[in-house]
C-alpha cells in the first residue's frame, strides 16, 4: 500500500511501527505511546483510534518490538477496512451475494472438503456467477429454470455440463435455505422436485492385455516408476491419486514436499510398505472420513510388483514411491495423464482407453472371474455396493450369464 513500508506485511523490520505517537507525562522519563490512524483514513470514516499502547516507557526500551507489532496489526486492520469501503457493494438479493457467502462464510460446507474438491467447486461457482450472478434469487422460478435449461441445450451444451450446472445451483440454493434466506428456500424446494438428465456411465474398461501394453511401453521408454504406478493401480484397483498423489494449494510453512505454493499429498510413500515388501498399508484418500481404517494390501500375490519395488526402493526408503524422472518430484495430475496418452498413442491402442478407466478395468475383470458384489466393493475401496456397480462395465456379459444359468435348469 502507498505510504507504508513492505515491512508492514512481511515483518522484515520488526521495529517498524506505523502510526505510533508518543505523549510526555509529568515525568519526562516516562512516555505514553499511542497508535493513531492517518488523517486520510479518519476522513474516510475509520473511527477506531487512538489506541493506547502498553506499557508506557521509552522509545528504545525492551518493549519496542511488541509495540511495533501491535502498530502493524492495527494498521493492517485499518487497511482491510478501507479496502472493503472501496469495493462495490453486492446486492444481497442476488445470486452473486449468495455465491460469495458460500465461498467465504466461516461455517460454509466448502471449508469441509479437501483442497482439490474445493478448487473444483470454485470453478463451478465461477460459471454459475457468470450466468446468473446478476439476477435476483426471487426471480428463479420453475419456468425460468426450464428456460435456462432449454437455452443451454440450444447452445449445444452437453448433458454432463447441464447436470453439473444445476447440481451447483441446487447446492447454493440449499445453503441459502440453511441461512434462512426465504427466496433461496423456495428455489431449493423447487429444484428438489426437478430431475436433470445425467450423462450415461462410461462403458470403456481396458483389459489386462491393454493395461500391460502401456506398462511395457513405459518400461521401454525408461519410465520405470510410471510403469510401477500403473501396475499398482490396476492390480489393487486403486485410484490414481492414491498412487501418484497430487499437488494441492497450501501454506508454504507446512512440512512435506512443497513447490510454488502447493504441497504433495495422498500418494504412496515408502513408509507405507514394509521392509520385506510383503504388505502395503494405505488410507484411501477419498473415503478417509467414512472409512477411517487403512487398507492392508498383501503384496505376496503380486511378485512382479514386489520385484519392481525392490528394484526402485532408495537406500533410505523414505518419501514418495512414484517419482517423475523429468522433474525428480512426484507426478502432477496433468503429467500422469499426458504420459498415459503419449504411451497409448505410441502403442496404437484406441483413444477411448483412458487412464481414468484403469480401475474400471480391474473391477470388471474381477467381476468376470466371479467376485461377488461385496468382494468387489471392498476391492475397489468403496463405501457401498452401488458405487462399485458404476465401475463394472461387463453388464452384457453378466446378463448373458444369468440367461445361461436359467437355461441350465431346463
Protein backbone atom coordinates (compact mmCIF):
# COMPACT_ATOMS: atom_id res chain seq x y z
CA UNK A 1 0.00 0.00 0.00
CA UNK A 2 1.21 3.52 -0.82
CA UNK A 3 2.59 5.27 2.25
CA UNK A 4 3.64 2.14 4.12
CA UNK A 5 6.82 0.11 4.02
CA UNK A 6 6.83 -3.54 2.83
CA UNK A 7 7.71 -4.43 6.43
CA UNK A 8 4.07 -3.79 7.28
CA UNK A 9 3.21 -7.08 5.55
CA UNK A 10 6.36 -9.16 5.64
CA UNK A 11 7.68 -8.20 9.09
CA UNK A 12 11.17 -7.63 7.64
CA UNK A 13 11.69 -4.71 10.03
CA UNK A 14 10.46 -5.78 13.49
CA UNK A 15 10.78 -2.21 14.80
CA UNK A 16 8.60 -0.66 12.09
CA UNK A 17 5.69 0.95 13.97
CA UNK A 18 3.37 2.88 11.60
CA UNK A 19 1.03 5.32 13.31
CA UNK A 20 2.85 5.46 16.64
CA UNK A 21 2.88 8.73 18.59
CA UNK A 22 4.46 9.49 21.96
CA UNK A 23 2.96 11.68 24.65
CA UNK A 24 5.04 13.02 27.55
CA UNK A 25 3.56 12.94 31.03
CA UNK A 26 4.58 14.67 34.24
CA UNK A 27 7.67 12.51 34.46
CA UNK A 28 9.76 13.17 31.30
CA UNK A 29 11.48 9.80 31.78
CA UNK A 30 8.20 8.01 31.06
CA UNK A 31 6.32 8.48 27.79
CA UNK A 32 2.90 7.18 26.74
CA UNK A 33 2.70 5.64 23.25
CA UNK A 34 -0.46 5.63 21.13
CA UNK A 35 -1.41 4.34 17.72
CA UNK A 36 -3.32 6.83 15.55
CA UNK A 37 -4.90 6.25 12.12
CA UNK A 38 -3.68 8.74 9.47
CA UNK A 39 -5.96 11.65 8.60
CA UNK A 40 -6.87 10.13 5.20
CA UNK A 41 -8.50 7.14 6.88
CA UNK A 42 -10.18 9.18 9.60
CA UNK A 43 -11.72 11.32 6.87
CA UNK A 44 -12.96 8.17 5.13
CA UNK A 45 -14.84 7.26 8.30
CA UNK A 46 -12.46 5.00 10.21
CA UNK A 47 -13.50 5.65 13.79
CA UNK A 48 -11.17 3.25 15.65
CA UNK A 49 -8.32 5.00 17.45
CA UNK A 50 -6.32 6.38 19.03
CA UNK A 51 -5.28 3.18 20.79
CA UNK A 52 -3.15 3.21 23.93
CA UNK A 53 -0.08 1.00 23.62
CA UNK A 54 1.02 -0.66 26.83
CA UNK A 55 3.24 -0.40 28.65
CA UNK A 56 4.44 3.20 28.90
CA UNK A 57 8.20 3.66 28.79
CA UNK A 58 10.82 4.86 26.34
CA UNK A 59 11.03 4.58 22.56
CA UNK A 60 14.03 2.27 22.65
CA UNK A 61 13.19 0.08 25.66
CA UNK A 62 12.74 -3.71 25.62
CA UNK A 63 9.02 -3.36 24.71
CA UNK A 64 9.76 -1.64 21.40
CA UNK A 65 9.27 -4.78 19.18
CA UNK A 66 5.96 -5.65 20.84
CA UNK A 67 4.62 -2.12 20.40
CA UNK A 68 5.74 -2.10 16.77
CA UNK A 69 3.98 -5.40 16.10
CA UNK A 70 0.78 -4.04 17.65
CA UNK A 71 1.03 -0.93 15.44
CA UNK A 72 1.41 -3.06 12.33
CA UNK A 73 -1.59 -5.19 13.30
CA UNK A 74 -3.77 -2.12 13.88
CA UNK A 75 -2.62 -0.59 10.59
CA UNK A 76 -3.38 -3.73 8.59
CA UNK A 77 -6.83 -3.94 10.19
CA UNK A 78 -7.45 -0.33 9.16
CA UNK A 79 -6.32 -1.02 5.58
CA UNK A 80 -8.56 -4.05 5.31
CA UNK A 81 -11.49 -1.91 6.42
CA UNK A 82 -10.56 0.74 3.86
CA UNK A 83 -10.37 -1.83 1.03
CA UNK A 84 -13.85 -3.06 1.91
CA UNK A 85 -15.18 0.51 1.64
CA UNK A 86 -13.64 0.82 -1.81
CA UNK A 87 -15.25 -2.36 -3.13
CA UNK A 88 -18.57 -2.07 -4.94
CA UNK A 89 -21.40 -3.32 -2.76
CA UNK A 90 -23.05 -6.58 -3.76
CA UNK A 91 -26.84 -6.63 -3.78
CA UNK A 92 -27.80 -9.19 -1.08
CA UNK A 93 -30.88 -10.20 -3.06
CA UNK A 94 -28.80 -11.59 -5.95
CA UNK A 95 -27.19 -14.95 -6.60
CA UNK A 96 -23.77 -13.26 -6.64
CA UNK A 97 -24.17 -12.40 -2.96
CA UNK A 98 -25.13 -15.96 -2.00
CA UNK A 99 -22.35 -17.47 -4.11
CA UNK A 100 -19.83 -15.18 -2.40
CA UNK A 101 -21.12 -16.18 1.02
CA UNK A 102 -20.80 -19.86 0.19
CA UNK A 103 -17.14 -19.29 -0.62
CA UNK A 104 -16.26 -17.01 2.30
CA UNK A 105 -18.53 -17.77 5.28
CA UNK A 106 -16.63 -19.28 8.19
CA UNK A 107 -19.06 -22.20 8.53
CA UNK A 108 -19.72 -22.84 4.84
CA UNK A 109 -19.55 -26.51 3.75
CA UNK A 110 -16.89 -25.55 1.21
CA UNK A 111 -14.32 -25.50 4.03
CA UNK A 112 -15.07 -29.13 4.92
CA UNK A 113 -13.83 -30.60 1.63
CA UNK A 114 -10.26 -31.22 0.52
CA UNK A 115 -8.37 -28.59 -1.42
CA UNK A 116 -8.72 -30.37 -4.78
CA UNK A 117 -12.51 -30.69 -4.35
CA UNK A 118 -12.70 -27.07 -3.22
CA UNK A 119 -10.88 -25.92 -6.37
CA UNK A 120 -13.44 -27.78 -8.48
CA UNK A 121 -16.30 -26.18 -6.55
CA UNK A 122 -14.86 -22.71 -7.07
CA UNK A 123 -14.58 -23.28 -10.82
CA UNK A 124 -18.23 -24.37 -10.98
CA UNK A 125 -19.31 -21.42 -8.82
CA UNK A 126 -17.50 -19.05 -11.15
CA UNK A 127 -19.53 -20.40 -14.05
CA UNK A 128 -22.76 -20.10 -12.06
CA UNK A 129 -21.96 -16.48 -11.19
CA UNK A 130 -21.21 -15.63 -14.82
CA UNK A 131 -24.60 -16.95 -15.91
CA UNK A 132 -26.99 -15.90 -13.11
CA UNK A 133 -24.93 -13.83 -10.64
CA UNK A 134 -26.60 -10.55 -11.61
CA UNK A 135 -30.17 -11.87 -11.26
CA UNK A 136 -32.29 -11.78 -8.14
CA UNK A 137 -32.80 -15.05 -6.28
CA UNK A 138 -36.55 -14.41 -6.11
CA UNK A 139 -36.88 -14.48 -9.91
CA UNK A 140 -35.67 -18.09 -10.16
CA UNK A 141 -38.96 -19.95 -10.71
CA UNK A 142 -39.69 -23.36 -12.20
CA UNK A 143 -40.38 -21.71 -15.56
CA UNK A 144 -37.12 -19.72 -15.53
CA UNK A 145 -35.13 -22.84 -14.63
CA UNK A 146 -36.66 -24.74 -17.56
CA UNK A 147 -35.96 -21.81 -19.90
CA UNK A 148 -32.36 -21.75 -18.74
CA UNK A 149 -32.07 -25.48 -19.30
CA UNK A 150 -33.54 -25.23 -22.81
CA UNK A 151 -31.22 -22.34 -23.67
CA UNK A 152 -28.24 -24.48 -22.70
CA UNK A 153 -29.49 -27.32 -24.89
CA UNK A 154 -29.90 -24.96 -27.84
CA UNK A 155 -26.31 -23.79 -27.37
CA UNK A 156 -25.17 -27.38 -27.64
CA UNK A 157 -24.19 -27.83 -24.02
CA UNK A 158 -23.62 -31.45 -23.08
CA UNK A 159 -25.85 -33.42 -20.75
CA UNK A 160 -22.97 -33.56 -18.26
CA UNK A 161 -22.49 -29.76 -18.42
CA UNK A 162 -26.19 -29.07 -17.77
CA UNK A 163 -26.40 -31.58 -14.93
CA UNK A 164 -23.28 -30.13 -13.30
CA UNK A 165 -24.63 -26.57 -13.61
CA UNK A 166 -27.93 -27.34 -11.90
CA UNK A 167 -26.26 -29.50 -9.26
CA UNK A 168 -24.19 -26.46 -8.35
CA UNK A 169 -27.28 -24.26 -8.30
CA UNK A 170 -29.01 -26.82 -6.07
CA UNK A 171 -26.03 -26.72 -3.69
CA UNK A 172 -26.07 -22.91 -3.42
CA UNK A 173 -29.85 -22.71 -3.01
CA UNK A 174 -29.67 -25.32 -0.25
CA UNK A 175 -27.05 -23.22 1.53
CA UNK A 176 -29.27 -20.15 1.22
CA UNK A 177 -32.09 -22.19 2.73
CA UNK A 178 -29.83 -23.07 5.68
CA UNK A 179 -29.15 -19.34 6.11
CA UNK A 180 -32.94 -18.80 6.22
CA UNK A 181 -32.98 -16.68 3.07
CA UNK A 182 -36.59 -17.17 2.03
CA UNK A 183 -36.22 -16.82 -1.78
CA UNK A 184 -33.36 -19.35 -1.69
CA UNK A 185 -35.54 -21.73 0.32
CA UNK A 186 -38.19 -21.55 -2.39
CA UNK A 187 -35.65 -22.20 -5.16
CA UNK A 188 -34.21 -25.13 -3.19
CA UNK A 189 -37.66 -26.67 -2.80
CA UNK A 190 -38.39 -26.16 -6.50
CA UNK A 191 -35.13 -27.83 -7.52
CA UNK A 192 -35.78 -30.75 -5.17
CA UNK A 193 -38.87 -31.55 -7.24
CA UNK A 194 -36.94 -31.47 -10.52
CA UNK A 195 -34.65 -34.00 -12.19
CA UNK A 196 -31.93 -33.30 -14.71
CA UNK A 197 -30.67 -35.94 -17.07
CA UNK A 198 -27.29 -37.43 -16.23
CA UNK A 199 -24.76 -38.44 -18.84
CA UNK A 200 -24.60 -42.21 -19.36
CA UNK A 201 -21.93 -44.09 -17.45
CA UNK A 202 -18.78 -44.85 -19.37
CA UNK A 203 -18.69 -48.36 -20.79
CA UNK A 204 -14.97 -48.50 -21.52
CA UNK A 205 -12.84 -50.83 -19.42
CA UNK A 206 -9.28 -51.63 -20.51
CA UNK A 207 -8.35 -55.29 -20.48
CA UNK A 208 -5.35 -56.71 -18.67
CA UNK A 209 -3.56 -57.03 -22.00
CA UNK A 210 -4.16 -53.37 -22.83
CA UNK A 211 -3.02 -52.14 -19.41
CA UNK A 212 0.15 -54.21 -19.60
CA UNK A 213 0.79 -52.94 -23.12
CA UNK A 214 1.05 -49.45 -21.57
CA UNK A 215 3.23 -50.78 -18.76
CA UNK A 216 5.66 -52.44 -21.17
CA UNK A 217 5.77 -49.28 -23.31
CA UNK A 218 6.63 -47.29 -20.18
CA UNK A 219 9.45 -49.73 -19.41
CA UNK A 220 10.80 -49.37 -22.93
CA UNK A 221 10.78 -45.57 -22.52
CA UNK A 222 12.68 -45.74 -19.24
CA UNK A 223 9.62 -44.71 -17.22
CA UNK A 224 10.01 -47.42 -14.57
CA UNK A 225 8.18 -45.52 -11.83
CA UNK A 226 5.22 -44.80 -14.11
CA UNK A 227 5.04 -48.48 -15.09
CA UNK A 228 5.08 -49.47 -11.42
CA UNK A 229 2.38 -46.91 -10.58
CA UNK A 230 0.01 -48.12 -13.28
CA UNK A 231 0.61 -51.73 -12.24
CA UNK A 232 -0.24 -50.93 -8.61
CA UNK A 233 -3.34 -49.01 -9.73
CA UNK A 234 -4.55 -51.94 -11.82
CA UNK A 235 -3.70 -54.88 -9.59
CA UNK A 236 -5.13 -53.29 -6.43
CA UNK A 237 -7.95 -51.31 -8.12
CA UNK A 238 -6.62 -48.06 -6.63
CA UNK A 239 -7.42 -44.53 -7.68
CA UNK A 240 -4.54 -42.78 -9.38
CA UNK A 241 -4.40 -40.18 -6.61
CA UNK A 242 -3.68 -42.90 -4.03
CA UNK A 243 -0.65 -43.99 -6.03
CA UNK A 244 0.91 -40.89 -7.62
CA UNK A 245 -0.63 -38.37 -5.16
CA UNK A 246 -1.43 -34.80 -6.18
CA UNK A 247 -0.29 -31.23 -5.58
CA UNK A 248 -2.70 -29.06 -3.60
CA UNK A 249 -2.59 -25.40 -2.61
CA UNK A 250 -1.11 -24.97 0.84
CA UNK A 251 0.55 -22.66 3.31
CA UNK A 252 4.26 -22.97 2.49
CA UNK A 253 5.02 -23.08 6.23
CA UNK A 254 3.66 -26.64 6.33
CA UNK A 255 6.07 -29.56 6.09
CA UNK A 256 6.37 -32.11 3.32
CA UNK A 257 7.27 -31.60 -0.34
CA UNK A 258 6.34 -28.01 -1.23
CA UNK A 259 6.62 -26.33 -4.63
CA UNK A 260 5.27 -22.95 -5.76
CA UNK A 261 2.65 -22.76 -3.02
CA UNK A 262 1.49 -26.37 -3.44
CA UNK A 263 2.20 -29.41 -1.29
CA UNK A 264 2.28 -33.03 -2.47
CA UNK A 265 -0.03 -35.38 -0.59
CA UNK A 266 -2.19 -38.54 -0.63
CA UNK A 267 0.20 -40.64 -2.74
CA UNK A 268 2.18 -43.77 -1.87
CA UNK A 269 5.23 -43.28 0.35
CA UNK A 270 7.87 -45.83 1.23
CA UNK A 271 6.87 -45.92 4.90
CA UNK A 272 3.55 -47.47 3.80
CA UNK A 273 5.42 -50.55 2.54
CA UNK A 274 7.09 -52.93 4.99
CA UNK A 275 10.77 -53.79 4.78
CA UNK A 276 10.11 -57.29 3.43
CA UNK A 277 7.86 -55.91 0.65
CA UNK A 278 5.08 -58.25 1.76
CA UNK A 279 2.38 -55.70 2.57
CA UNK A 280 1.31 -52.16 1.77
CA UNK A 281 -0.78 -50.06 4.15
CA UNK A 282 -2.81 -47.20 2.66
CA UNK A 283 -5.54 -44.94 3.99
CA UNK A 284 -7.76 -44.27 0.99
CA UNK A 285 -7.90 -40.52 0.37
CA UNK A 286 -11.44 -40.19 -0.97
CA UNK A 287 -13.14 -42.18 1.79
CA UNK A 288 -10.87 -41.28 4.70
CA UNK A 289 -13.77 -39.70 6.61
CA UNK A 290 -16.20 -42.62 6.25
CA UNK A 291 -13.65 -45.48 6.09
CA UNK A 292 -11.09 -44.42 8.66
CA UNK A 293 -9.08 -47.64 8.85
CA UNK A 294 -6.22 -48.06 6.38
CA UNK A 295 -6.32 -50.90 3.85
CA UNK A 296 -3.67 -53.59 4.21
CA UNK A 297 -2.72 -54.88 0.76
CA UNK A 298 -0.96 -58.23 0.50
CA UNK A 299 1.96 -57.88 -1.92
CA UNK A 300 2.91 -61.56 -1.87
CA UNK A 301 0.31 -62.31 -4.55
CA UNK A 302 1.90 -59.80 -6.93
CA UNK A 303 5.56 -60.89 -7.26
CA UNK A 304 6.17 -58.55 -10.20
CA UNK A 305 5.17 -55.54 -8.10
CA UNK A 306 7.43 -56.81 -5.31
CA UNK A 307 10.34 -57.12 -7.74
CA UNK A 308 9.80 -53.62 -9.11
CA UNK A 309 9.54 -52.14 -5.62
CA UNK A 310 12.78 -53.84 -4.64
CA UNK A 311 14.49 -52.50 -7.76
CA UNK A 312 13.29 -48.93 -7.29
CA UNK A 313 13.45 -48.62 -3.48
CA UNK A 314 16.01 -45.98 -2.45
CA UNK A 315 18.58 -46.73 0.24
CA UNK A 316 16.85 -44.60 2.86
CA UNK A 317 13.38 -45.88 1.83
CA UNK A 318 11.63 -42.57 2.53
CA UNK A 319 9.49 -40.20 0.51
CA UNK A 320 7.16 -40.78 -2.46
CA UNK A 321 7.29 -44.15 -4.22
CA UNK A 322 6.42 -42.79 -7.69
CA UNK A 323 8.76 -40.07 -9.00
CA UNK A 324 8.72 -38.34 -12.37
CA UNK A 325 12.26 -38.76 -13.77
CA UNK A 326 11.99 -35.47 -15.66
CA UNK A 327 11.42 -33.34 -12.58
CA UNK A 328 12.75 -35.53 -9.79
CA UNK A 329 9.44 -34.84 -8.00
CA UNK A 330 6.12 -36.72 -7.82
CA UNK A 331 3.97 -36.54 -10.95
CA UNK A 332 1.31 -33.87 -11.33
CA UNK A 333 -2.19 -34.94 -12.36
CA UNK A 334 -1.61 -33.43 -15.79
CA UNK A 335 1.76 -35.13 -16.34
CA UNK A 336 0.38 -38.52 -15.28
CA UNK A 337 -2.49 -38.34 -17.78
CA UNK A 338 -0.29 -36.98 -20.56
CA UNK A 339 2.22 -39.79 -20.09
CA UNK A 340 -0.56 -42.37 -20.41
CA UNK A 341 -1.89 -40.66 -23.56
CA UNK A 342 1.55 -40.49 -25.14
CA UNK A 343 2.22 -44.19 -24.50
CA UNK A 344 -1.24 -45.17 -25.69
CA UNK A 345 -0.70 -43.36 -28.97
CA UNK A 346 2.73 -44.94 -29.37
CA UNK A 347 1.32 -48.45 -28.87
CA UNK A 348 -1.67 -47.92 -31.18
CA UNK A 349 -4.31 -48.58 -28.54
CA UNK A 350 -7.74 -46.98 -29.12
CA UNK A 351 -8.05 -43.37 -27.95
CA UNK A 352 -11.05 -44.22 -25.76
CA UNK A 353 -8.78 -46.27 -23.47
CA UNK A 354 -8.09 -43.65 -20.82
CA UNK A 355 -6.03 -43.73 -17.69
CA UNK A 356 -9.16 -42.88 -15.69
CA UNK A 357 -10.61 -46.28 -16.72
CA UNK A 358 -7.82 -48.41 -15.21
CA UNK A 359 -9.82 -49.02 -12.02
CA UNK A 360 -12.91 -49.90 -14.02
CA UNK A 361 -10.83 -52.46 -15.90
CA UNK A 362 -9.71 -54.01 -12.61
CA UNK A 363 -13.25 -54.21 -11.21
CA UNK A 364 -14.68 -55.54 -14.47
CA UNK A 365 -12.06 -58.27 -14.67
CA UNK A 366 -12.74 -59.29 -11.07
CA UNK A 367 -16.48 -59.47 -11.73
CA UNK A 368 -15.96 -61.62 -14.83
CA UNK A 369 -13.96 -64.05 -12.67
CA UNK A 370 -16.85 -64.48 -10.27
CA UNK A 371 -16.18 -61.98 -7.44
CA UNK A 372 -19.41 -61.21 -5.58
CA UNK A 373 -20.63 -57.59 -5.16
CA UNK A 374 -19.31 -57.26 -1.61
CA UNK A 375 -15.87 -58.53 -2.57
CA UNK A 376 -15.86 -56.02 -5.42
CA UNK A 377 -16.93 -53.22 -3.07
CA UNK A 378 -14.05 -53.88 -0.70
CA UNK A 379 -11.54 -54.41 -3.51
CA UNK A 380 -12.48 -51.03 -5.00
CA UNK A 381 -12.34 -49.32 -1.56
CA UNK A 382 -15.94 -48.16 -1.84
CA UNK A 383 -18.36 -47.48 0.99
CA UNK A 384 -21.32 -49.14 -0.72
CA UNK A 385 -22.08 -51.63 -3.48
CA UNK A 386 -24.00 -49.09 -5.58
CA UNK A 387 -20.84 -47.07 -6.12
CA UNK A 388 -18.93 -50.16 -7.20
CA UNK A 389 -21.60 -51.09 -9.73
CA UNK A 390 -20.79 -47.93 -11.70
CA UNK A 391 -17.25 -49.20 -12.21
CA UNK A 392 -18.27 -52.61 -13.51
CA UNK A 393 -18.57 -52.38 -17.28
CA UNK A 394 -19.42 -56.02 -18.13
CA UNK A 395 -23.18 -55.70 -17.80
CA UNK A 396 -23.96 -57.51 -21.05
CA UNK A 397 -21.76 -60.46 -20.06
CA UNK A 398 -23.42 -60.60 -16.66
CA UNK A 399 -26.89 -60.55 -18.23
CA UNK A 400 -25.95 -63.36 -20.62
CA UNK A 401 -24.55 -65.42 -17.77
CA UNK A 402 -27.87 -65.12 -15.95
CA UNK A 403 -29.69 -66.38 -19.06
CA UNK A 404 -27.32 -69.36 -19.27
CA UNK A 405 -27.84 -70.17 -15.61
CA UNK A 406 -31.63 -70.11 -16.01
CA UNK A 407 -31.48 -72.20 -19.18
CA UNK A 408 -29.37 -74.81 -17.43
CA UNK A 409 -32.32 -75.64 -15.20
CA UNK A 410 -34.46 -76.85 -18.08
